[in-house]
């Protein structure tokens, strides 16, 4: 009788586990349901690949797009295209049970073809710093790696909180973030990096622009007269190395950022990817803006 009862309990537990579906809401507002934790994941954005590794699911990523280069292990993952063109046949051949997509970056037409495959798709597009931690915990739920994901989310949240506590109330520094130099592009307030500027005690001079990535004129920048100009660089840039992206501004010697030497380049992987490494990019920006404050008295 005892043996039968134990067997019944085991069978009941197995049945419960088999039917314990996992459901999370993605960044498009859609519910994504898996019958069991994902085992074969395709990542369609470099930042998504980073998030999957940070959430404890790196070994389950069977396909990724170009520039999925962090951590080092991600460089060995088979490529399935880039954010402009996906190799749908390769994706199908990998037999994924979950595809994680960058909602803003992947082409809509190809996303429609992906959806036709019948594979669960999770849309990811963090717009705020808190969304990075949320992304980690939700991906952890889909992967069945909740403990690792929660630890990573908590560590990131703590790092950001410490930076905000240290820098946010310091004297404000007006900032122009140069996304691209030809045409000249920047960001409004509807993005993660604007929040990073704010937590460092900075003020985005084009925060009120209606477009998320507006094109602006050099005259508009000169009129705003930012105290600091920041741009993304390919890797860490020594502070004494002139950046070509700033060439257009150096002739405007009356521009405050130029006059005081507040032209800052930060590793683009640290400030453009909404991943836990953004805390490192934020720390660098906070130090740069502190340098700008110190130069007011020189």
C-alpha atoms as a PDB file:
ATOM      1  CA  UNK A   1       0.000   0.000   0.000  1.00  0.00           C
ATOM      2  CA  UNK A   2       2.804   2.392   0.917  1.00  0.00           C
ATOM      3  CA  UNK A   3       4.635   1.574  -2.304  1.00  0.00           C
ATOM      4  CA  UNK A   4       1.501   2.221  -4.332  1.00  0.00           C
ATOM      5  CA  UNK A   5       0.925   5.511  -2.569  1.00  0.00           C
ATOM      6  CA  UNK A   6       4.490   6.603  -3.232  1.00  0.00           C
ATOM      7  CA  UNK A   7       4.188   5.608  -6.889  1.00  0.00           C
ATOM      8  CA  UNK A   8       0.950   7.559  -7.200  1.00  0.00           C
ATOM      9  CA  UNK A   9       2.596  10.623  -5.655  1.00  0.00           C
ATOM     10  CA  UNK A  10       5.521  10.411  -8.056  1.00  0.00           C
ATOM     11  CA  UNK A  11       3.231  10.023 -11.064  1.00  0.00           C
ATOM     12  CA  UNK A  12       1.149  12.960  -9.906  1.00  0.00           C
ATOM     13  CA  UNK A  13       4.258  15.128  -9.521  1.00  0.00           C
ATOM     14  CA  UNK A  14       5.424  14.152 -13.001  1.00  0.00           C
ATOM     15  CA  UNK A  15       2.043  15.040 -14.476  1.00  0.00           C
ATOM     16  CA  UNK A  16       2.074  18.398 -12.709  1.00  0.00           C
ATOM     17  CA  UNK A  17       5.572  19.159 -14.027  1.00  0.00           C
ATOM     18  CA  UNK A  18       4.589  18.131 -17.539  1.00  0.00           C
ATOM     19  CA  UNK A  19       1.671  20.535 -17.511  1.00  0.00           C
ATOM     20  CA  UNK A  20       3.280  23.384 -15.586  1.00  0.00           C
ATOM     21  CA  UNK A  21       3.459  25.775 -18.515  1.00  0.00           C
ATOM     22  CA  UNK A  22       5.603  28.900 -18.270  1.00  0.00           C
ATOM     23  CA  UNK A  23       3.963  32.165 -19.294  1.00  0.00           C
ATOM     24  CA  UNK A  24       5.558  35.630 -19.318  1.00  0.00           C
ATOM     25  CA  UNK A  25       4.577  38.900 -20.966  1.00  0.00           C
ATOM     26  CA  UNK A  26       7.074  40.272 -23.455  1.00  0.00           C
ATOM     27  CA  UNK A  27       7.835  43.909 -24.303  1.00  0.00           C
ATOM     28  CA  UNK A  28       5.143  44.008 -26.969  1.00  0.00           C
ATOM     29  CA  UNK A  29       2.545  43.133 -24.330  1.00  0.00           C
ATOM     30  CA  UNK A  30       2.013  39.631 -25.700  1.00  0.00           C
ATOM     31  CA  UNK A  31       1.910  36.515 -23.550  1.00  0.00           C
ATOM     32  CA  UNK A  32       4.638  33.990 -24.379  1.00  0.00           C
ATOM     33  CA  UNK A  33       3.945  30.449 -23.187  1.00  0.00           C
ATOM     34  CA  UNK A  34       6.312  27.484 -23.136  1.00  0.00           C
ATOM     35  CA  UNK A  35       5.359  23.960 -22.105  1.00  0.00           C
ATOM     36  CA  UNK A  36       8.770  23.603 -20.438  1.00  0.00           C
ATOM     37  CA  UNK A  37      11.960  25.686 -20.043  1.00  0.00           C
ATOM     38  CA  UNK A  38      13.555  26.571 -23.376  1.00  0.00           C
ATOM     39  CA  UNK A  39      16.447  24.348 -24.413  1.00  0.00           C
ATOM     40  CA  UNK A  40      17.244  25.672 -27.904  1.00  0.00           C
ATOM     41  CA  UNK A  41      17.153  29.463 -28.175  1.00  0.00           C
ATOM     42  CA  UNK A  42      17.882  31.700 -31.143  1.00  0.00           C
ATOM     43  CA  UNK A  43      18.900  35.281 -30.330  1.00  0.00           C
ATOM     44  CA  UNK A  44      18.242  37.969 -32.931  1.00  0.00           C
ATOM     45  CA  UNK A  45      20.138  40.863 -31.355  1.00  0.00           C
ATOM     46  CA  UNK A  46      23.592  41.221 -29.753  1.00  0.00           C
ATOM     47  CA  UNK A  47      22.128  42.674 -26.569  1.00  0.00           C
ATOM     48  CA  UNK A  48      19.678  39.769 -26.358  1.00  0.00           C
ATOM     49  CA  UNK A  49      22.571  37.322 -26.522  1.00  0.00           C
ATOM     50  CA  UNK A  50      24.208  39.132 -23.592  1.00  0.00           C
ATOM     51  CA  UNK A  51      20.968  39.046 -21.616  1.00  0.00           C
ATOM     52  CA  UNK A  52      20.530  35.319 -22.227  1.00  0.00           C
ATOM     53  CA  UNK A  53      24.042  34.602 -20.984  1.00  0.00           C
ATOM     54  CA  UNK A  54      23.609  36.875 -17.963  1.00  0.00           C
ATOM     55  CA  UNK A  55      20.333  35.126 -17.154  1.00  0.00           C
ATOM     56  CA  UNK A  56      22.104  31.767 -17.061  1.00  0.00           C
ATOM     57  CA  UNK A  57      21.057  30.444 -20.464  1.00  0.00           C
ATOM     58  CA  UNK A  58      24.188  30.887 -22.538  1.00  0.00           C
ATOM     59  CA  UNK A  59      24.637  27.161 -23.139  1.00  0.00           C
ATOM     60  CA  UNK A  60      21.155  27.006 -24.636  1.00  0.00           C
ATOM     61  CA  UNK A  61      21.716  29.661 -27.298  1.00  0.00           C
ATOM     62  CA  UNK A  62      22.058  27.689 -30.543  1.00  0.00           C
ATOM     63  CA  UNK A  63      21.954  30.624 -32.971  1.00  0.00           C
ATOM     64  CA  UNK A  64      22.698  34.344 -32.855  1.00  0.00           C
ATOM     65  CA  UNK A  65      23.097  37.321 -35.172  1.00  0.00           C
ATOM     66  CA  UNK A  66      26.308  39.122 -36.101  1.00  0.00           C
ATOM     67  CA  UNK A  67      28.089  41.163 -33.411  1.00  0.00           C
ATOM     68  CA  UNK A  68      26.890  38.808 -30.676  1.00  0.00           C
ATOM     69  CA  UNK A  69      30.381  38.939 -29.231  1.00  0.00           C
ATOM     70  CA  UNK A  70      29.909  39.069 -25.467  1.00  0.00           C
ATOM     71  CA  UNK A  71      30.714  37.134 -23.425  1.00  0.00           C
ATOM     72  CA  UNK A  72      33.587  35.453 -25.242  1.00  0.00           C
ATOM     73  CA  UNK A  73      31.661  32.167 -25.442  1.00  0.00           C
ATOM     74  CA  UNK A  74      29.022  33.879 -27.586  1.00  0.00           C
ATOM     75  CA  UNK A  75      31.511  34.296 -30.417  1.00  0.00           C
ATOM     76  CA  UNK A  76      31.369  30.561 -31.156  1.00  0.00           C
ATOM     77  CA  UNK A  77      27.577  30.460 -31.608  1.00  0.00           C
ATOM     78  CA  UNK A  78      26.436  29.790 -35.221  1.00  0.00           C
ATOM     79  CA  UNK A  79      25.309  32.956 -37.016  1.00  0.00           C
ATOM     80  CA  UNK A  80      21.822  33.342 -38.464  1.00  0.00           C
ATOM     81  CA  UNK A  81      22.197  36.744 -40.139  1.00  0.00           C
ATOM     82  CA  UNK A  82      22.130  40.273 -38.760  1.00  0.00           C
ATOM     83  CA  UNK A  83      19.534  42.867 -37.789  1.00  0.00           C
ATOM     84  CA  UNK A  84      18.879  43.659 -41.465  1.00  0.00           C
ATOM     85  CA  UNK A  85      18.677  40.189 -42.973  1.00  0.00           C
ATOM     86  CA  UNK A  86      17.994  36.871 -41.264  1.00  0.00           C
ATOM     87  CA  UNK A  87      18.806  33.410 -42.589  1.00  0.00           C
ATOM     88  CA  UNK A  88      15.402  31.857 -42.036  1.00  0.00           C
ATOM     89  CA  UNK A  89      16.462  28.457 -43.373  1.00  0.00           C
ATOM     90  CA  UNK A  90      19.321  28.338 -40.906  1.00  0.00           C
ATOM     91  CA  UNK A  91      16.997  29.293 -38.072  1.00  0.00           C
ATOM     92  CA  UNK A  92      14.570  26.520 -38.977  1.00  0.00           C
ATOM     93  CA  UNK A  93      17.416  23.992 -39.229  1.00  0.00           C
ATOM     94  CA  UNK A  94      18.453  24.809 -35.652  1.00  0.00           C
ATOM     95  CA  UNK A  95      15.033  23.598 -34.358  1.00  0.00           C
ATOM     96  CA  UNK A  96      14.610  26.372 -31.786  1.00  0.00           C
ATOM     97  CA  UNK A  97      11.964  26.164 -29.103  1.00  0.00           C
ATOM     98  CA  UNK A  98      12.245  29.908 -28.441  1.00  0.00           C
ATOM     99  CA  UNK A  99      13.277  32.897 -30.567  1.00  0.00           C
ATOM    100  CA  UNK A 100      14.127  36.163 -28.814  1.00  0.00           C
ATOM    101  CA  UNK A 101      13.734  39.210 -31.038  1.00  0.00           C
ATOM    102  CA  UNK A 102      14.715  42.861 -30.786  1.00  0.00           C
ATOM    103  CA  UNK A 103      11.368  44.489 -31.502  1.00  0.00           C
ATOM    104  CA  UNK A 104      12.872  47.778 -32.655  1.00  0.00           C
ATOM    105  CA  UNK A 105      15.771  46.400 -34.661  1.00  0.00           C
ATOM    106  CA  UNK A 106      14.620  43.372 -36.663  1.00  0.00           C
ATOM    107  CA  UNK A 107      12.867  43.928 -39.983  1.00  0.00           C
ATOM    108  CA  UNK A 108       9.064  43.702 -39.689  1.00  0.00           C
ATOM    109  CA  UNK A 109       8.683  41.683 -42.900  1.00  0.00           C
ATOM    110  CA  UNK A 110      11.076  39.008 -41.688  1.00  0.00           C
ATOM    111  CA  UNK A 111       9.410  38.939 -38.288  1.00  0.00           C
ATOM    112  CA  UNK A 112       6.152  38.055 -39.990  1.00  0.00           C
ATOM    113  CA  UNK A 113       7.885  35.086 -41.641  1.00  0.00           C
ATOM    114  CA  UNK A 114       9.351  34.067 -38.304  1.00  0.00           C
ATOM    115  CA  UNK A 115       5.945  34.126 -36.683  1.00  0.00           C
ATOM    116  CA  UNK A 116       4.681  31.818 -39.421  1.00  0.00           C
ATOM    117  CA  UNK A 117       7.133  29.150 -38.219  1.00  0.00           C
ATOM    118  CA  UNK A 118       5.015  28.545 -35.145  1.00  0.00           C
ATOM    119  CA  UNK A 119       7.970  28.851 -32.747  1.00  0.00           C
ATOM    120  CA  UNK A 120       7.310  30.954 -29.604  1.00  0.00           C
ATOM    121  CA  UNK A 121       8.748  34.453 -30.054  1.00  0.00           C
ATOM    122  CA  UNK A 122       9.689  36.768 -27.198  1.00  0.00           C
ATOM    123  CA  UNK A 123      10.024  40.449 -28.117  1.00  0.00           C
ATOM    124  CA  UNK A 124      12.620  42.336 -26.082  1.00  0.00           C
ATOM    125  CA  UNK A 125      13.155  46.086 -26.099  1.00  0.00           C
ATOM    126  CA  UNK A 126      14.184  47.631 -22.768  1.00  0.00           C
ATOM    127  CA  UNK A 127      13.392  51.357 -22.725  1.00  0.00           C
ATOM    128  CA  UNK A 128      14.314  52.049 -19.111  1.00  0.00           C
ATOM    129  CA  UNK A 129      17.059  50.904 -16.782  1.00  0.00           C
ATOM    130  CA  UNK A 130      14.557  48.943 -14.705  1.00  0.00           C
ATOM    131  CA  UNK A 131      13.538  47.079 -17.865  1.00  0.00           C
ATOM    132  CA  UNK A 132      16.987  45.482 -18.047  1.00  0.00           C
ATOM    133  CA  UNK A 133      16.491  43.783 -14.689  1.00  0.00           C
ATOM    134  CA  UNK A 134      12.958  42.811 -15.711  1.00  0.00           C
ATOM    135  CA  UNK A 135      14.259  41.320 -18.958  1.00  0.00           C
ATOM    136  CA  UNK A 136      16.712  39.189 -17.033  1.00  0.00           C
ATOM    137  CA  UNK A 137      14.081  37.789 -14.694  1.00  0.00           C
ATOM    138  CA  UNK A 138      11.593  37.087 -17.492  1.00  0.00           C
ATOM    139  CA  UNK A 139      14.212  35.367 -19.640  1.00  0.00           C
ATOM    140  CA  UNK A 140      15.271  33.423 -16.567  1.00  0.00           C
ATOM    141  CA  UNK A 141      11.691  32.210 -16.175  1.00  0.00           C
ATOM    142  CA  UNK A 142      11.581  31.058 -19.801  1.00  0.00           C
ATOM    143  CA  UNK A 143      14.941  29.316 -19.408  1.00  0.00           C
ATOM    144  CA  UNK A 144      14.248  27.810 -15.999  1.00  0.00           C
ATOM    145  CA  UNK A 145      17.296  29.633 -14.587  1.00  0.00           C
ATOM    146  CA  UNK A 146      15.457  31.909 -12.190  1.00  0.00           C
ATOM    147  CA  UNK A 147      18.103  31.961  -9.453  1.00  0.00           C
ATOM    148  CA  UNK A 148      20.924  33.030 -11.764  1.00  0.00           C
ATOM    149  CA  UNK A 149      18.722  35.564 -13.520  1.00  0.00           C
ATOM    150  CA  UNK A 150      17.515  37.079 -10.245  1.00  0.00           C
ATOM    151  CA  UNK A 151      21.059  37.412  -8.946  1.00  0.00           C
ATOM    152  CA  UNK A 152      22.124  39.210 -12.132  1.00  0.00           C
ATOM    153  CA  UNK A 153      19.073  41.475 -12.002  1.00  0.00           C
ATOM    154  CA  UNK A 154      19.671  42.361  -8.358  1.00  0.00           C
ATOM    155  CA  UNK A 155      23.361  43.089  -8.972  1.00  0.00           C
ATOM    156  CA  UNK A 156      22.541  45.420 -11.869  1.00  0.00           C
ATOM    157  CA  UNK A 157      19.797  47.181  -9.922  1.00  0.00           C
ATOM    158  CA  UNK A 158      22.180  47.710  -7.004  1.00  0.00           C
ATOM    159  CA  UNK A 159      24.941  49.078  -9.253  1.00  0.00           C
ATOM    160  CA  UNK A 160      22.543  51.588 -10.824  1.00  0.00           C
ATOM    161  CA  UNK A 161      21.126  52.597  -7.442  1.00  0.00           C
ATOM    162  CA  UNK A 162      24.612  53.333  -6.130  1.00  0.00           C
ATOM    163  CA  UNK A 163      25.440  55.501  -9.146  1.00  0.00           C
ATOM    164  CA  UNK A 164      22.160  57.385  -8.824  1.00  0.00           C
ATOM    165  CA  UNK A 165      22.742  57.990  -5.125  1.00  0.00           C
ATOM    166  CA  UNK A 166      26.259  59.264  -5.752  1.00  0.00           C
ATOM    167  CA  UNK A 167      25.755  61.457  -8.819  1.00  0.00           C
ATOM    168  CA  UNK A 168      22.125  62.364  -9.543  1.00  0.00           C
ATOM    169  CA  UNK A 169      21.995  65.392  -7.245  1.00  0.00           C
ATOM    170  CA  UNK A 170      25.285  66.913  -8.346  1.00  0.00           C
ATOM    171  CA  UNK A 171      25.237  70.221 -10.267  1.00  0.00           C
ATOM    172  CA  UNK A 172      23.629  69.554 -13.671  1.00  0.00           C
ATOM    173  CA  UNK A 173      25.711  69.264 -16.842  1.00  0.00           C
ATOM    174  CA  UNK A 174      24.020  69.846 -20.197  1.00  0.00           C
ATOM    175  CA  UNK A 175      24.816  66.976 -22.579  1.00  0.00           C
ATOM    176  CA  UNK A 176      24.565  66.433 -26.321  1.00  0.00           C
ATOM    177  CA  UNK A 177      24.710  62.726 -27.165  1.00  0.00           C
ATOM    178  CA  UNK A 178      25.931  62.308 -30.732  1.00  0.00           C
ATOM    179  CA  UNK A 179      24.547  59.033 -32.069  1.00  0.00           C
ATOM    180  CA  UNK A 180      25.777  59.627 -35.620  1.00  0.00           C
ATOM    181  CA  UNK A 181      27.746  62.381 -37.281  1.00  0.00           C
ATOM    182  CA  UNK A 182      26.494  62.293 -40.896  1.00  0.00           C
ATOM    183  CA  UNK A 183      23.629  62.992 -40.726  1.00  0.00           C
ATOM    184  CA  UNK A 184      23.872  64.405 -37.238  1.00  0.00           C
ATOM    185  CA  UNK A 185      21.628  62.336 -34.978  1.00  0.00           C
ATOM    186  CA  UNK A 186      20.867  62.175 -31.274  1.00  0.00           C
ATOM    187  CA  UNK A 187      18.333  60.689 -28.826  1.00  0.00           C
ATOM    188  CA  UNK A 188      15.294  62.093 -27.082  1.00  0.00           C
ATOM    189  CA  UNK A 189      14.139  61.095 -23.598  1.00  0.00           C
ATOM    190  CA  UNK A 190      12.430  57.877 -24.729  1.00  0.00           C
ATOM    191  CA  UNK A 191      15.436  55.581 -24.309  1.00  0.00           C
ATOM    192  CA  UNK A 192      17.690  54.015 -21.726  1.00  0.00           C
ATOM    193  CA  UNK A 193      20.681  56.280 -22.308  1.00  0.00           C
ATOM    194  CA  UNK A 194      18.716  59.441 -21.530  1.00  0.00           C
ATOM    195  CA  UNK A 195      18.022  57.890 -18.134  1.00  0.00           C
ATOM    196  CA  UNK A 196      21.744  57.217 -17.735  1.00  0.00           C
ATOM    197  CA  UNK A 197      22.476  60.887 -18.442  1.00  0.00           C
ATOM    198  CA  UNK A 198      19.961  61.865 -15.778  1.00  0.00           C
ATOM    199  CA  UNK A 199      21.283  59.505 -13.098  1.00  0.00           C
ATOM    200  CA  UNK A 200      24.745  61.021 -13.663  1.00  0.00           C
ATOM    201  CA  UNK A 201      23.363  64.487 -13.009  1.00  0.00           C
ATOM    202  CA  UNK A 202      23.282  65.390 -16.688  1.00  0.00           C
ATOM    203  CA  UNK A 203      20.581  67.019 -18.803  1.00  0.00           C
ATOM    204  CA  UNK A 204      19.938  65.813 -22.360  1.00  0.00           C
ATOM    205  CA  UNK A 205      19.647  68.993 -24.429  1.00  0.00           C
ATOM    206  CA  UNK A 206      17.389  67.286 -26.984  1.00  0.00           C
ATOM    207  CA  UNK A 207      15.248  65.301 -24.550  1.00  0.00           C
ATOM    208  CA  UNK A 208      12.063  67.066 -25.689  1.00  0.00           C
ATOM    209  CA  UNK A 209      12.416  66.157 -29.364  1.00  0.00           C
ATOM    210  CA  UNK A 210       9.321  64.265 -30.612  1.00  0.00           C
ATOM    211  CA  UNK A 211      11.284  61.607 -32.498  1.00  0.00           C
ATOM    212  CA  UNK A 212      13.146  58.949 -30.565  1.00  0.00           C
ATOM    213  CA  UNK A 213      16.245  59.312 -32.782  1.00  0.00           C
ATOM    214  CA  UNK A 214      15.974  62.813 -34.250  1.00  0.00           C
ATOM    215  CA  UNK A 215      18.210  64.330 -36.897  1.00  0.00           C
ATOM    216  CA  UNK A 216      19.416  67.736 -35.735  1.00  0.00           C
ATOM    217  CA  UNK A 217      21.411  70.536 -37.296  1.00  0.00           C
ATOM    218  CA  UNK A 218      24.806  71.786 -36.207  1.00  0.00           C
ATOM    219  CA  UNK A 219      23.131  75.156 -35.638  1.00  0.00           C
ATOM    220  CA  UNK A 220      20.707  73.555 -33.156  1.00  0.00           C
ATOM    221  CA  UNK A 221      23.622  72.068 -31.217  1.00  0.00           C
ATOM    222  CA  UNK A 222      25.441  75.394 -31.204  1.00  0.00           C
ATOM    223  CA  UNK A 223      22.288  77.111 -29.958  1.00  0.00           C
ATOM    224  CA  UNK A 224      21.918  74.545 -27.160  1.00  0.00           C
ATOM    225  CA  UNK A 225      25.601  75.085 -26.277  1.00  0.00           C
ATOM    226  CA  UNK A 226      26.049  71.825 -24.330  1.00  0.00           C
ATOM    227  CA  UNK A 227      28.664  71.669 -21.625  1.00  0.00           C
ATOM    228  CA  UNK A 228      29.605  68.144 -22.718  1.00  0.00           C
ATOM    229  CA  UNK A 229      29.351  66.187 -25.965  1.00  0.00           C
ATOM    230  CA  UNK A 230      29.331  62.394 -25.734  1.00  0.00           C
ATOM    231  CA  UNK A 231      29.529  59.738 -28.421  1.00  0.00           C
ATOM    232  CA  UNK A 232      29.912  55.972 -28.661  1.00  0.00           C
ATOM    233  CA  UNK A 233      33.259  54.578 -29.772  1.00  0.00           C
ATOM    234  CA  UNK A 234      34.452  51.229 -31.036  1.00  0.00           C
ATOM    235  CA  UNK A 235      35.965  49.973 -27.813  1.00  0.00           C
ATOM    236  CA  UNK A 236      37.504  51.970 -25.028  1.00  0.00           C
ATOM    237  CA  UNK A 237      39.167  55.177 -26.252  1.00  0.00           C
ATOM    238  CA  UNK A 238      42.121  56.759 -24.441  1.00  0.00           C
ATOM    239  CA  UNK A 239      41.179  60.271 -23.294  1.00  0.00           C
ATOM    240  CA  UNK A 240      44.129  61.816 -25.143  1.00  0.00           C
ATOM    241  CA  UNK A 241      43.170  60.368 -28.547  1.00  0.00           C
ATOM    242  CA  UNK A 242      41.173  62.793 -30.758  1.00  0.00           C
ATOM    243  CA  UNK A 243      37.955  61.245 -32.042  1.00  0.00           C
ATOM    244  CA  UNK A 244      37.045  61.896 -35.700  1.00  0.00           C
ATOM    245  CA  UNK A 245      33.375  62.086 -34.655  1.00  0.00           C
ATOM    246  CA  UNK A 246      34.179  65.370 -32.916  1.00  0.00           C
ATOM    247  CA  UNK A 247      36.070  66.985 -35.815  1.00  0.00           C
ATOM    248  CA  UNK A 248      33.109  69.146 -36.807  1.00  0.00           C
ATOM    249  CA  UNK A 249      32.949  70.717 -33.333  1.00  0.00           C
ATOM    250  CA  UNK A 250      36.606  71.567 -32.754  1.00  0.00           C
ATOM    251  CA  UNK A 251      36.478  74.620 -35.007  1.00  0.00           C
ATOM    252  CA  UNK A 252      33.723  76.079 -32.814  1.00  0.00           C
ATOM    253  CA  UNK A 253      36.065  77.121 -30.042  1.00  0.00           C
ATOM    254  CA  UNK A 254      33.375  79.169 -28.292  1.00  0.00           C
ATOM    255  CA  UNK A 255      31.227  76.052 -27.817  1.00  0.00           C
ATOM    256  CA  UNK A 256      31.411  75.284 -24.088  1.00  0.00           C
ATOM    257  CA  UNK A 257      32.091  71.579 -24.576  1.00  0.00           C
ATOM    258  CA  UNK A 258      34.990  72.397 -26.899  1.00  0.00           C
ATOM    259  CA  UNK A 259      36.370  75.290 -24.884  1.00  0.00           C
ATOM    260  CA  UNK A 260      36.575  73.135 -21.763  1.00  0.00           C
ATOM    261  CA  UNK A 261      37.688  69.913 -23.424  1.00  0.00           C
ATOM    262  CA  UNK A 262      34.508  68.049 -22.583  1.00  0.00           C
ATOM    263  CA  UNK A 263      34.368  65.776 -25.648  1.00  0.00           C
ATOM    264  CA  UNK A 264      33.888  62.260 -24.331  1.00  0.00           C
ATOM    265  CA  UNK A 265      33.936  58.900 -26.098  1.00  0.00           C
ATOM    266  CA  UNK A 266      32.613  55.785 -24.347  1.00  0.00           C
ATOM    267  CA  UNK A 267      32.776  52.181 -25.542  1.00  0.00           C
ATOM    268  CA  UNK A 268      29.582  51.776 -27.554  1.00  0.00           C
ATOM    269  CA  UNK A 269      29.028  48.229 -26.314  1.00  0.00           C
ATOM    270  CA  UNK A 270      28.723  49.635 -22.799  1.00  0.00           C
ATOM    271  CA  UNK A 271      26.271  52.434 -23.563  1.00  0.00           C
ATOM    272  CA  UNK A 272      24.278  51.242 -26.573  1.00  0.00           C
ATOM    273  CA  UNK A 273      23.372  47.752 -25.390  1.00  0.00           C
ATOM    274  CA  UNK A 274      20.663  47.492 -22.706  1.00  0.00           C
ATOM    275  CA  UNK A 275      22.425  44.786 -20.724  1.00  0.00           C
ATOM    276  CA  UNK A 276      24.044  44.561 -17.271  1.00  0.00           C
ATOM    277  CA  UNK A 277      27.223  46.055 -18.770  1.00  0.00           C
ATOM    278  CA  UNK A 278      25.350  49.330 -19.142  1.00  0.00           C
ATOM    279  CA  UNK A 279      26.208  49.909 -15.484  1.00  0.00           C
ATOM    280  CA  UNK A 280      29.866  50.101 -16.552  1.00  0.00           C
ATOM    281  CA  UNK A 281      29.041  52.601 -19.285  1.00  0.00           C
ATOM    282  CA  UNK A 282      26.975  54.639 -16.837  1.00  0.00           C
ATOM    283  CA  UNK A 283      29.857  54.718 -14.368  1.00  0.00           C
ATOM    284  CA  UNK A 284      32.168  56.005 -17.116  1.00  0.00           C
ATOM    285  CA  UNK A 285      29.716  58.732 -18.131  1.00  0.00           C
ATOM    286  CA  UNK A 286      29.282  59.776 -14.500  1.00  0.00           C
ATOM    287  CA  UNK A 287      33.056  60.141 -14.154  1.00  0.00           C
ATOM    288  CA  UNK A 288      33.211  62.131 -17.392  1.00  0.00           C
ATOM    289  CA  UNK A 289      30.504  64.534 -16.243  1.00  0.00           C
ATOM    290  CA  UNK A 290      32.312  64.944 -12.945  1.00  0.00           C
ATOM    291  CA  UNK A 291      35.399  65.924 -14.950  1.00  0.00           C
ATOM    292  CA  UNK A 292      33.246  68.497 -16.743  1.00  0.00           C
ATOM    293  CA  UNK A 293      32.133  69.929 -13.402  1.00  0.00           C
ATOM    294  CA  UNK A 294      35.729  70.153 -12.217  1.00  0.00           C
ATOM    295  CA  UNK A 295      36.731  72.121 -15.328  1.00  0.00           C
ATOM    296  CA  UNK A 296      34.302  74.911 -14.496  1.00  0.00           C
ATOM    297  CA  UNK A 297      36.792  76.418 -12.093  1.00  0.00           C
ATOM    298  CA  UNK A 298      39.821  76.219 -14.376  1.00  0.00           C
END
